[in-house]
Amino acid sequence: MDFVGRDGSRVLGLAVLLAGLACALGASYMYSRADAERSMLEGQLWRLRAPPAPVPKGQAEALAAADRLALQFRRPWEQLFLTLEGTSMPGVRLTQILPQTAGARSQLQLAGEADRPEDMYEYLRRLSGSGELRDVHLMQQRWDEQAHIHQFQLAATWEQGPKQKAAP
């Protein structure tokens, strides 16, 4: 037997040792990530199984107000804006839209400007005939001497319920 060491076996042994250490570090890292994920999931499960905390009296009223506000954001605003765009006409410009939601019906106040009073009255007729707005009426109008325009305010009832589709 030859017990004399060779130079190549040392390098090979060192390479195997480094590869083994790299594998051990990689396995340790994967184990620690899996353990952290398991702990996080156990915490979520514990929170889901816990009974809900009772809501204090004052906070219940605040939650109800927040629910009413959230209900306003679920309104069909796009349909209202499409209706207003569909009834637009030259010579009339809307300057303010002020919805006041309350249940399925809402009051809507519109402010605008018209070049001629005839344009303003025609716009009022178009809004009345749109089908989306009901009880459209002129609340106020005035002539602006400096700008040479008629300023007006309208009020209408905005029906927000779901539309019934016509049968074929």
N, C-alpha and C. Protein backbone atom coordinates (compact mmCIF):
# COMPACT_ATOMS: atom_id res chain seq x y z
N MET A 1 0.82 -1.17 0.00
CA MET A 1 0.00 0.00 0.00
C MET A 1 0.88 1.25 0.00
N ASP A 2 0.32 2.22 -0.65
CA ASP A 2 1.05 3.47 -0.79
C ASP A 2 0.40 4.51 0.12
N PHE A 3 1.11 4.89 1.22
CA PHE A 3 0.55 5.87 2.16
C PHE A 3 1.06 7.28 1.93
N VAL A 4 1.62 7.47 0.83
CA VAL A 4 2.14 8.80 0.52
C VAL A 4 0.98 9.64 -0.02
N GLY A 5 0.79 10.82 0.53
CA GLY A 5 -0.32 11.68 0.12
C GLY A 5 -0.08 12.34 -1.21
N ARG A 6 -1.13 12.50 -1.93
CA ARG A 6 -1.04 13.16 -3.21
C ARG A 6 -1.60 14.58 -3.08
N ASP A 7 -1.11 15.48 -3.86
CA ASP A 7 -1.55 16.88 -3.78
C ASP A 7 -2.98 17.06 -4.29
N GLY A 8 -3.44 16.33 -5.26
CA GLY A 8 -4.78 16.46 -5.84
C GLY A 8 -5.87 16.02 -4.89
N SER A 9 -5.61 15.09 -3.99
CA SER A 9 -6.66 14.61 -3.09
C SER A 9 -7.02 15.66 -2.05
N ARG A 10 -6.10 16.51 -1.68
CA ARG A 10 -6.39 17.56 -0.71
C ARG A 10 -7.36 18.58 -1.29
N VAL A 11 -7.15 18.97 -2.51
CA VAL A 11 -8.02 19.95 -3.16
C VAL A 11 -9.41 19.35 -3.35
N LEU A 12 -9.47 18.10 -3.74
CA LEU A 12 -10.75 17.43 -3.92
C LEU A 12 -11.49 17.33 -2.58
N GLY A 13 -10.80 16.99 -1.53
CA GLY A 13 -11.42 16.90 -0.20
C GLY A 13 -11.95 18.26 0.25
N LEU A 14 -11.18 19.32 0.02
CA LEU A 14 -11.61 20.66 0.40
C LEU A 14 -12.85 21.07 -0.41
N ALA A 15 -12.93 20.73 -1.68
CA ALA A 15 -14.08 21.05 -2.52
C ALA A 15 -15.32 20.32 -2.03
N VAL A 16 -15.17 19.05 -1.65
CA VAL A 16 -16.31 18.28 -1.12
C VAL A 16 -16.77 18.88 0.20
N LEU A 17 -15.84 19.29 1.05
CA LEU A 17 -16.18 19.90 2.34
C LEU A 17 -16.96 21.19 2.12
N LEU A 18 -16.51 22.06 1.21
CA LEU A 18 -17.20 23.32 0.93
C LEU A 18 -18.59 23.07 0.34
N ALA A 19 -18.72 22.10 -0.54
CA ALA A 19 -20.03 21.76 -1.11
C ALA A 19 -20.97 21.26 -0.02
N GLY A 20 -20.48 20.47 0.91
CA GLY A 20 -21.30 19.98 2.01
C GLY A 20 -21.75 21.12 2.92
N LEU A 21 -20.85 22.08 3.20
CA LEU A 21 -21.22 23.24 4.01
C LEU A 21 -22.27 24.09 3.30
N ALA A 22 -22.14 24.29 2.00
CA ALA A 22 -23.11 25.07 1.24
C ALA A 22 -24.48 24.40 1.27
N CYS A 23 -24.52 23.10 1.14
CA CYS A 23 -25.79 22.37 1.21
C CYS A 23 -26.41 22.48 2.61
N ALA A 24 -25.59 22.37 3.64
CA ALA A 24 -26.09 22.48 5.02
C ALA A 24 -26.64 23.88 5.27
N LEU A 25 -25.96 24.93 4.81
CA LEU A 25 -26.46 26.30 4.98
C LEU A 25 -27.76 26.51 4.20
N GLY A 26 -27.85 25.99 2.99
CA GLY A 26 -29.07 26.11 2.20
C GLY A 26 -30.25 25.41 2.87
N ALA A 27 -30.00 24.22 3.40
CA ALA A 27 -31.07 23.48 4.08
C ALA A 27 -31.49 24.22 5.35
N SER A 28 -30.54 24.80 6.08
CA SER A 28 -30.86 25.55 7.29
C SER A 28 -31.70 26.78 6.96
N TYR A 29 -31.36 27.49 5.88
CA TYR A 29 -32.12 28.67 5.46
C TYR A 29 -33.54 28.30 5.07
N MET A 30 -33.71 27.23 4.30
CA MET A 30 -35.05 26.80 3.88
C MET A 30 -35.88 26.37 5.09
N TYR A 31 -35.24 25.71 6.06
CA TYR A 31 -35.95 25.29 7.27
C TYR A 31 -36.43 26.50 8.06
N SER A 32 -35.58 27.51 8.21
CA SER A 32 -35.98 28.69 8.98
C SER A 32 -37.11 29.45 8.29
N ARG A 33 -37.11 29.54 6.95
CA ARG A 33 -38.21 30.19 6.24
C ARG A 33 -39.51 29.41 6.39
N ALA A 34 -39.44 28.09 6.29
CA ALA A 34 -40.64 27.26 6.44
C ALA A 34 -41.19 27.37 7.86
N ASP A 35 -40.30 27.46 8.85
CA ASP A 35 -40.74 27.59 10.24
C ASP A 35 -41.41 28.95 10.47
N ALA A 36 -40.85 30.02 9.89
CA ALA A 36 -41.46 31.34 10.02
C ALA A 36 -42.83 31.39 9.36
N GLU A 37 -42.97 30.77 8.20
CA GLU A 37 -44.26 30.74 7.51
C GLU A 37 -45.29 29.94 8.31
N ARG A 38 -44.85 28.82 8.90
CA ARG A 38 -45.75 28.03 9.73
C ARG A 38 -46.23 28.84 10.93
N SER A 39 -45.33 29.59 11.56
CA SER A 39 -45.72 30.42 12.72
C SER A 39 -46.71 31.49 12.30
N MET A 40 -46.49 32.11 11.14
CA MET A 40 -47.41 33.13 10.67
C MET A 40 -48.80 32.55 10.40
N LEU A 41 -48.85 31.39 9.76
CA LEU A 41 -50.14 30.76 9.46
C LEU A 41 -50.85 30.32 10.73
N GLU A 42 -50.11 29.86 11.73
CA GLU A 42 -50.74 29.50 13.01
C GLU A 42 -51.34 30.72 13.68
N GLY A 43 -50.64 31.87 13.59
CA GLY A 43 -51.17 33.10 14.16
C GLY A 43 -52.45 33.54 13.47
N GLN A 44 -52.48 33.44 12.14
CA GLN A 44 -53.69 33.80 11.40
C GLN A 44 -54.84 32.87 11.76
N LEU A 45 -54.56 31.60 11.89
CA LEU A 45 -55.59 30.64 12.26
C LEU A 45 -56.12 30.94 13.65
N TRP A 46 -55.25 31.29 14.56
CA TRP A 46 -55.67 31.62 15.92
C TRP A 46 -56.58 32.84 15.92
N ARG A 47 -56.22 33.89 15.11
CA ARG A 47 -57.05 35.09 15.04
C ARG A 47 -58.41 34.79 14.40
N LEU A 48 -58.44 33.89 13.42
CA LEU A 48 -59.71 33.56 12.77
C LEU A 48 -60.63 32.79 13.70
N ARG A 49 -60.06 31.98 14.56
CA ARG A 49 -60.88 31.18 15.49
C ARG A 49 -61.31 31.95 16.72
N ALA A 50 -60.67 33.08 17.00
CA ALA A 50 -61.00 33.87 18.18
C ALA A 50 -62.39 34.49 18.00
N PRO A 51 -63.19 34.55 19.07
CA PRO A 51 -64.51 35.18 18.96
C PRO A 51 -64.35 36.69 18.74
N PRO A 52 -65.28 37.30 17.99
CA PRO A 52 -65.17 38.74 17.74
C PRO A 52 -65.35 39.54 19.02
N ALA A 53 -64.63 40.62 19.12
CA ALA A 53 -64.72 41.47 20.30
C ALA A 53 -66.02 42.27 20.24
N PRO A 54 -66.65 42.50 21.39
CA PRO A 54 -67.88 43.30 21.38
C PRO A 54 -67.56 44.74 20.98
N VAL A 55 -68.49 45.35 20.24
CA VAL A 55 -68.30 46.71 19.75
C VAL A 55 -68.87 47.67 20.79
N PRO A 56 -68.07 48.65 21.24
CA PRO A 56 -68.59 49.65 22.18
C PRO A 56 -69.73 50.45 21.56
N LYS A 57 -70.60 51.00 22.41
CA LYS A 57 -71.80 51.68 21.95
C LYS A 57 -71.49 52.86 21.01
N GLY A 58 -70.56 53.72 21.38
CA GLY A 58 -70.21 54.87 20.55
C GLY A 58 -69.58 54.46 19.23
N GLN A 59 -68.83 53.38 19.26
CA GLN A 59 -68.17 52.92 18.04
C GLN A 59 -69.19 52.30 17.08
N ALA A 60 -70.26 51.71 17.61
CA ALA A 60 -71.29 51.13 16.75
C ALA A 60 -71.94 52.22 15.89
N GLU A 61 -72.17 53.40 16.47
CA GLU A 61 -72.75 54.50 15.71
C GLU A 61 -71.78 54.98 14.63
N ALA A 62 -70.50 55.02 14.96
CA ALA A 62 -69.50 55.43 13.97
C ALA A 62 -69.42 54.42 12.83
N LEU A 63 -69.55 53.14 13.17
CA LEU A 63 -69.53 52.11 12.13
C LEU A 63 -70.75 52.22 11.23
N ALA A 64 -71.90 52.54 11.80
CA ALA A 64 -73.11 52.72 11.00
C ALA A 64 -72.96 53.91 10.06
N ALA A 65 -72.36 55.00 10.53
CA ALA A 65 -72.12 56.16 9.67
C ALA A 65 -71.14 55.81 8.55
N ALA A 66 -70.14 55.02 8.87
CA ALA A 66 -69.18 54.60 7.85
C ALA A 66 -69.86 53.71 6.81
N ASP A 67 -70.78 52.86 7.24
CA ASP A 67 -71.52 52.01 6.30
C ASP A 67 -72.39 52.86 5.36
N ARG A 68 -73.01 53.90 5.91
CA ARG A 68 -73.82 54.79 5.04
C ARG A 68 -72.95 55.50 4.02
N LEU A 69 -71.76 55.92 4.44
CA LEU A 69 -70.84 56.57 3.51
C LEU A 69 -70.36 55.60 2.44
N ALA A 70 -70.07 54.37 2.84
CA ALA A 70 -69.64 53.36 1.87
C ALA A 70 -70.75 53.06 0.87
N LEU A 71 -72.00 53.13 1.32
CA LEU A 71 -73.13 52.89 0.42
C LEU A 71 -73.18 53.94 -0.69
N GLN A 72 -72.80 55.18 -0.38
CA GLN A 72 -72.79 56.22 -1.40
C GLN A 72 -71.81 55.91 -2.51
N PHE A 73 -70.69 55.26 -2.18
CA PHE A 73 -69.69 54.96 -3.19
C PHE A 73 -70.14 53.81 -4.09
N ARG A 74 -71.14 53.05 -3.67
CA ARG A 74 -71.63 51.96 -4.50
C ARG A 74 -72.79 52.40 -5.39
N ARG A 75 -73.07 53.68 -5.44
CA ARG A 75 -74.14 54.21 -6.29
C ARG A 75 -73.71 54.18 -7.75
N PRO A 76 -74.66 54.17 -8.66
CA PRO A 76 -74.32 54.16 -10.09
C PRO A 76 -73.95 55.55 -10.60
N TRP A 77 -72.84 56.09 -10.10
CA TRP A 77 -72.41 57.43 -10.49
C TRP A 77 -72.16 57.51 -11.99
N GLU A 78 -71.62 56.46 -12.57
CA GLU A 78 -71.30 56.49 -13.99
C GLU A 78 -72.56 56.74 -14.82
N GLN A 79 -73.67 56.11 -14.43
CA GLN A 79 -74.92 56.29 -15.16
C GLN A 79 -75.40 57.73 -15.07
N LEU A 80 -75.23 58.36 -13.91
CA LEU A 80 -75.62 59.76 -13.76
C LEU A 80 -74.78 60.64 -14.69
N PHE A 81 -73.48 60.43 -14.70
CA PHE A 81 -72.61 61.25 -15.53
C PHE A 81 -72.87 61.01 -17.02
N LEU A 82 -73.18 59.77 -17.39
CA LEU A 82 -73.52 59.50 -18.79
C LEU A 82 -74.82 60.22 -19.18
N THR A 83 -75.77 60.26 -18.26
CA THR A 83 -77.02 60.98 -18.53
C THR A 83 -76.76 62.46 -18.71
N LEU A 84 -75.94 63.03 -17.83
CA LEU A 84 -75.65 64.46 -17.94
C LEU A 84 -74.88 64.77 -19.22
N GLU A 85 -73.97 63.89 -19.61
CA GLU A 85 -73.24 64.10 -20.86
C GLU A 85 -74.16 63.93 -22.06
N GLY A 86 -75.10 63.00 -21.98
CA GLY A 86 -76.02 62.76 -23.07
C GLY A 86 -77.00 63.90 -23.29
N THR A 87 -77.26 64.69 -22.27
CA THR A 87 -78.20 65.81 -22.41
C THR A 87 -77.47 67.13 -22.64
N SER A 88 -76.16 67.07 -22.77
CA SER A 88 -75.42 68.32 -22.97
C SER A 88 -75.79 68.95 -24.31
N MET A 89 -75.61 70.25 -24.38
CA MET A 89 -75.93 70.97 -25.61
C MET A 89 -75.05 72.21 -25.70
N PRO A 90 -74.83 72.70 -26.91
CA PRO A 90 -74.01 73.90 -27.06
C PRO A 90 -74.69 75.09 -26.39
N GLY A 91 -73.88 75.94 -25.80
CA GLY A 91 -74.42 77.13 -25.16
C GLY A 91 -74.76 76.93 -23.70
N VAL A 92 -74.65 75.68 -23.17
CA VAL A 92 -74.95 75.40 -21.77
C VAL A 92 -73.76 74.66 -21.17
N ARG A 93 -73.31 75.14 -20.03
CA ARG A 93 -72.17 74.53 -19.33
C ARG A 93 -72.54 74.30 -17.88
N LEU A 94 -72.35 73.06 -17.40
CA LEU A 94 -72.55 72.78 -15.98
C LEU A 94 -71.31 73.20 -15.22
N THR A 95 -71.53 73.86 -14.10
CA THR A 95 -70.40 74.30 -13.28
C THR A 95 -70.34 73.57 -11.94
N GLN A 96 -71.45 72.95 -11.55
CA GLN A 96 -71.46 72.26 -10.26
C GLN A 96 -72.51 71.15 -10.27
N ILE A 97 -72.12 70.01 -9.70
CA ILE A 97 -73.04 68.89 -9.50
C ILE A 97 -72.99 68.56 -8.03
N LEU A 98 -74.11 68.64 -7.35
CA LEU A 98 -74.14 68.41 -5.91
C LEU A 98 -75.19 67.34 -5.59
N PRO A 99 -74.79 66.07 -5.49
CA PRO A 99 -75.75 65.03 -5.12
C PRO A 99 -75.91 64.96 -3.60
N GLN A 100 -77.12 64.71 -3.17
CA GLN A 100 -77.41 64.53 -1.76
C GLN A 100 -78.14 63.20 -1.63
N THR A 101 -77.37 62.13 -1.37
CA THR A 101 -77.94 60.79 -1.37
C THR A 101 -78.65 60.50 -0.06
N ALA A 102 -79.76 59.80 -0.18
CA ALA A 102 -80.52 59.34 0.98
C ALA A 102 -81.40 58.20 0.50
N GLY A 103 -80.94 56.98 0.69
CA GLY A 103 -81.70 55.82 0.26
C GLY A 103 -81.60 55.61 -1.23
N ALA A 104 -82.67 55.07 -1.83
CA ALA A 104 -82.67 54.77 -3.25
C ALA A 104 -82.92 56.02 -4.09
N ARG A 105 -83.44 57.07 -3.49
CA ARG A 105 -83.69 58.32 -4.20
C ARG A 105 -82.75 59.38 -3.64
N SER A 106 -82.28 60.23 -4.51
CA SER A 106 -81.38 61.29 -4.08
C SER A 106 -81.79 62.59 -4.73
N GLN A 107 -81.58 63.66 -4.00
CA GLN A 107 -81.76 64.98 -4.58
C GLN A 107 -80.46 65.35 -5.27
N LEU A 108 -80.58 65.99 -6.39
CA LEU A 108 -79.43 66.39 -7.17
C LEU A 108 -79.60 67.86 -7.49
N GLN A 109 -78.58 68.64 -7.19
CA GLN A 109 -78.61 70.05 -7.53
C GLN A 109 -77.52 70.31 -8.56
N LEU A 110 -77.90 71.00 -9.61
CA LEU A 110 -76.98 71.33 -10.69
C LEU A 110 -76.90 72.85 -10.82
N ALA A 111 -75.72 73.36 -11.04
CA ALA A 111 -75.53 74.78 -11.31
C ALA A 111 -74.84 74.89 -12.65
N GLY A 112 -75.17 75.94 -13.40
CA GLY A 112 -74.57 76.08 -14.71
C GLY A 112 -74.72 77.47 -15.28
N GLU A 113 -74.27 77.58 -16.51
CA GLU A 113 -74.33 78.85 -17.23
C GLU A 113 -74.88 78.57 -18.63
N ALA A 114 -75.64 79.52 -19.12
CA ALA A 114 -76.18 79.42 -20.48
C ALA A 114 -75.97 80.74 -21.19
N ASP A 115 -75.71 80.65 -22.49
CA ASP A 115 -75.52 81.86 -23.28
C ASP A 115 -76.83 82.60 -23.48
N ARG A 116 -77.92 81.85 -23.66
CA ARG A 116 -79.25 82.45 -23.88
C ARG A 116 -80.25 81.77 -22.96
N PRO A 117 -81.31 82.45 -22.56
CA PRO A 117 -82.32 81.81 -21.71
C PRO A 117 -83.01 80.65 -22.42
N GLU A 118 -83.14 80.72 -23.76
CA GLU A 118 -83.77 79.64 -24.50
C GLU A 118 -82.97 78.35 -24.37
N ASP A 119 -81.62 78.47 -24.38
CA ASP A 119 -80.77 77.30 -24.20
C ASP A 119 -80.97 76.68 -22.82
N MET A 120 -81.10 77.51 -21.82
CA MET A 120 -81.30 77.03 -20.46
C MET A 120 -82.62 76.26 -20.35
N TYR A 121 -83.69 76.79 -20.93
CA TYR A 121 -84.99 76.11 -20.86
C TYR A 121 -84.99 74.81 -21.67
N GLU A 122 -84.30 74.81 -22.79
CA GLU A 122 -84.20 73.57 -23.58
C GLU A 122 -83.42 72.51 -22.80
N TYR A 123 -82.37 72.92 -22.12
CA TYR A 123 -81.59 71.98 -21.29
C TYR A 123 -82.45 71.41 -20.17
N LEU A 124 -83.27 72.24 -19.58
CA LEU A 124 -84.20 71.79 -18.54
C LEU A 124 -85.16 70.75 -19.10
N ARG A 125 -85.68 70.96 -20.31
CA ARG A 125 -86.58 69.99 -20.94
C ARG A 125 -85.85 68.68 -21.24
N ARG A 126 -84.60 68.76 -21.70
CA ARG A 126 -83.83 67.55 -21.99
C ARG A 126 -83.59 66.72 -20.72
N LEU A 127 -83.24 67.39 -19.65
CA LEU A 127 -83.04 66.66 -18.39
C LEU A 127 -84.33 65.99 -17.92
N SER A 128 -85.45 66.69 -18.06
CA SER A 128 -86.75 66.12 -17.66
C SER A 128 -87.08 64.89 -18.48
N GLY A 129 -86.71 64.89 -19.75
CA GLY A 129 -87.02 63.76 -20.63
C GLY A 129 -85.97 62.67 -20.64
N SER A 130 -84.94 62.79 -19.83
CA SER A 130 -83.85 61.81 -19.87
C SER A 130 -84.24 60.44 -19.32
N GLY A 131 -85.20 60.39 -18.42
CA GLY A 131 -85.60 59.12 -17.82
C GLY A 131 -84.84 58.79 -16.54
N GLU A 132 -83.67 59.33 -16.36
CA GLU A 132 -82.88 59.09 -15.15
C GLU A 132 -83.25 60.07 -14.04
N LEU A 133 -83.60 61.28 -14.43
CA LEU A 133 -83.91 62.33 -13.46
C LEU A 133 -85.40 62.62 -13.48
N ARG A 134 -85.96 62.81 -12.30
CA ARG A 134 -87.39 63.10 -12.17
C ARG A 134 -87.55 64.44 -11.45
N ASP A 135 -88.70 65.03 -11.56
CA ASP A 135 -89.03 66.29 -10.87
C ASP A 135 -87.96 67.35 -11.09
N VAL A 136 -87.55 67.53 -12.33
CA VAL A 136 -86.53 68.53 -12.65
C VAL A 136 -87.20 69.90 -12.67
N HIS A 137 -86.67 70.84 -11.88
CA HIS A 137 -87.23 72.18 -11.89
C HIS A 137 -86.14 73.22 -11.64
N LEU A 138 -86.40 74.40 -12.15
CA LEU A 138 -85.48 75.52 -12.05
C LEU A 138 -85.65 76.16 -10.67
N MET A 139 -84.56 76.24 -9.94
CA MET A 139 -84.62 76.83 -8.60
C MET A 139 -84.27 78.32 -8.63
N GLN A 140 -83.28 78.67 -9.45
CA GLN A 140 -82.83 80.06 -9.47
C GLN A 140 -82.17 80.36 -10.81
N GLN A 141 -82.35 81.58 -11.27
CA GLN A 141 -81.64 82.04 -12.46
C GLN A 141 -81.33 83.51 -12.29
N ARG A 142 -80.21 83.93 -12.88
CA ARG A 142 -79.87 85.36 -12.84
C ARG A 142 -78.97 85.70 -14.02
N TRP A 143 -79.05 86.95 -14.42
CA TRP A 143 -78.24 87.45 -15.52
C TRP A 143 -76.96 88.05 -14.94
N ASP A 144 -75.80 87.60 -15.43
CA ASP A 144 -74.52 88.14 -15.01
C ASP A 144 -74.11 89.20 -16.03
N GLU A 145 -74.14 90.46 -15.61
CA GLU A 145 -73.86 91.57 -16.51
C GLU A 145 -72.43 91.54 -17.04
N GLN A 146 -71.48 91.23 -16.17
CA GLN A 146 -70.07 91.28 -16.57
C GLN A 146 -69.73 90.18 -17.57
N ALA A 147 -70.22 88.95 -17.33
CA ALA A 147 -69.88 87.82 -18.20
C ALA A 147 -70.86 87.66 -19.35
N HIS A 148 -71.98 88.36 -19.30
CA HIS A 148 -73.03 88.27 -20.33
C HIS A 148 -73.53 86.82 -20.48
N ILE A 149 -73.82 86.19 -19.36
CA ILE A 149 -74.37 84.83 -19.36
C ILE A 149 -75.50 84.74 -18.34
N HIS A 150 -76.33 83.73 -18.51
CA HIS A 150 -77.40 83.43 -17.57
C HIS A 150 -76.89 82.32 -16.65
N GLN A 151 -76.88 82.57 -15.36
CA GLN A 151 -76.50 81.55 -14.38
C GLN A 151 -77.78 80.94 -13.83
N PHE A 152 -77.75 79.61 -13.60
CA PHE A 152 -78.96 78.95 -13.13
C PHE A 152 -78.62 77.83 -12.16
N GLN A 153 -79.63 77.45 -11.39
CA GLN A 153 -79.55 76.29 -10.51
C GLN A 153 -80.79 75.45 -10.73
N LEU A 154 -80.57 74.14 -10.88
CA LEU A 154 -81.66 73.19 -11.07
C LEU A 154 -81.68 72.21 -9.92
N ALA A 155 -82.84 71.65 -9.65
CA ALA A 155 -82.96 70.56 -8.68
C ALA A 155 -83.70 69.43 -9.35
N ALA A 156 -83.31 68.20 -9.01
CA ALA A 156 -83.95 67.02 -9.59
C ALA A 156 -83.87 65.88 -8.60
N THR A 157 -84.71 64.88 -8.81
CA THR A 157 -84.65 63.65 -8.04
C THR A 157 -83.97 62.61 -8.90
N TRP A 158 -82.97 61.97 -8.33
CA TRP A 158 -82.18 60.97 -9.06
C TRP A 158 -82.61 59.60 -8.59
N GLU A 159 -83.20 58.83 -9.50
CA GLU A 159 -83.62 57.47 -9.20
C GLU A 159 -82.39 56.57 -9.31
N GLN A 160 -82.02 55.90 -8.22
CA GLN A 160 -80.81 55.09 -8.22
C GLN A 160 -81.07 53.61 -8.20
N GLY A 161 -82.30 53.19 -8.27
CA GLY A 161 -82.59 51.77 -8.23
C GLY A 161 -82.15 51.08 -9.50
N PRO A 162 -82.09 49.73 -9.48
CA PRO A 162 -81.70 49.02 -10.68
C PRO A 162 -82.75 49.15 -11.77
N LYS A 163 -82.30 49.30 -12.99
CA LYS A 163 -83.21 49.44 -14.12
C LYS A 163 -83.80 48.10 -14.51
N GLN A 164 -85.09 48.11 -14.84
CA GLN A 164 -85.73 46.90 -15.33
C GLN A 164 -85.51 46.81 -16.82
N LYS A 165 -85.02 45.71 -17.30
CA LYS A 165 -84.80 45.53 -18.73
C LYS A 165 -86.12 45.17 -19.39
N ALA A 166 -86.31 45.74 -20.55
CA ALA A 166 -87.53 45.45 -21.30
C ALA A 166 -87.49 44.02 -21.83
N ALA A 167 -88.65 43.38 -21.82
CA ALA A 167 -88.72 42.00 -22.32
C ALA A 167 -88.59 42.02 -23.83
N PRO A 168 -87.91 40.98 -24.42
CA PRO A 168 -87.71 40.97 -25.88
C PRO A 168 -89.00 40.73 -26.63
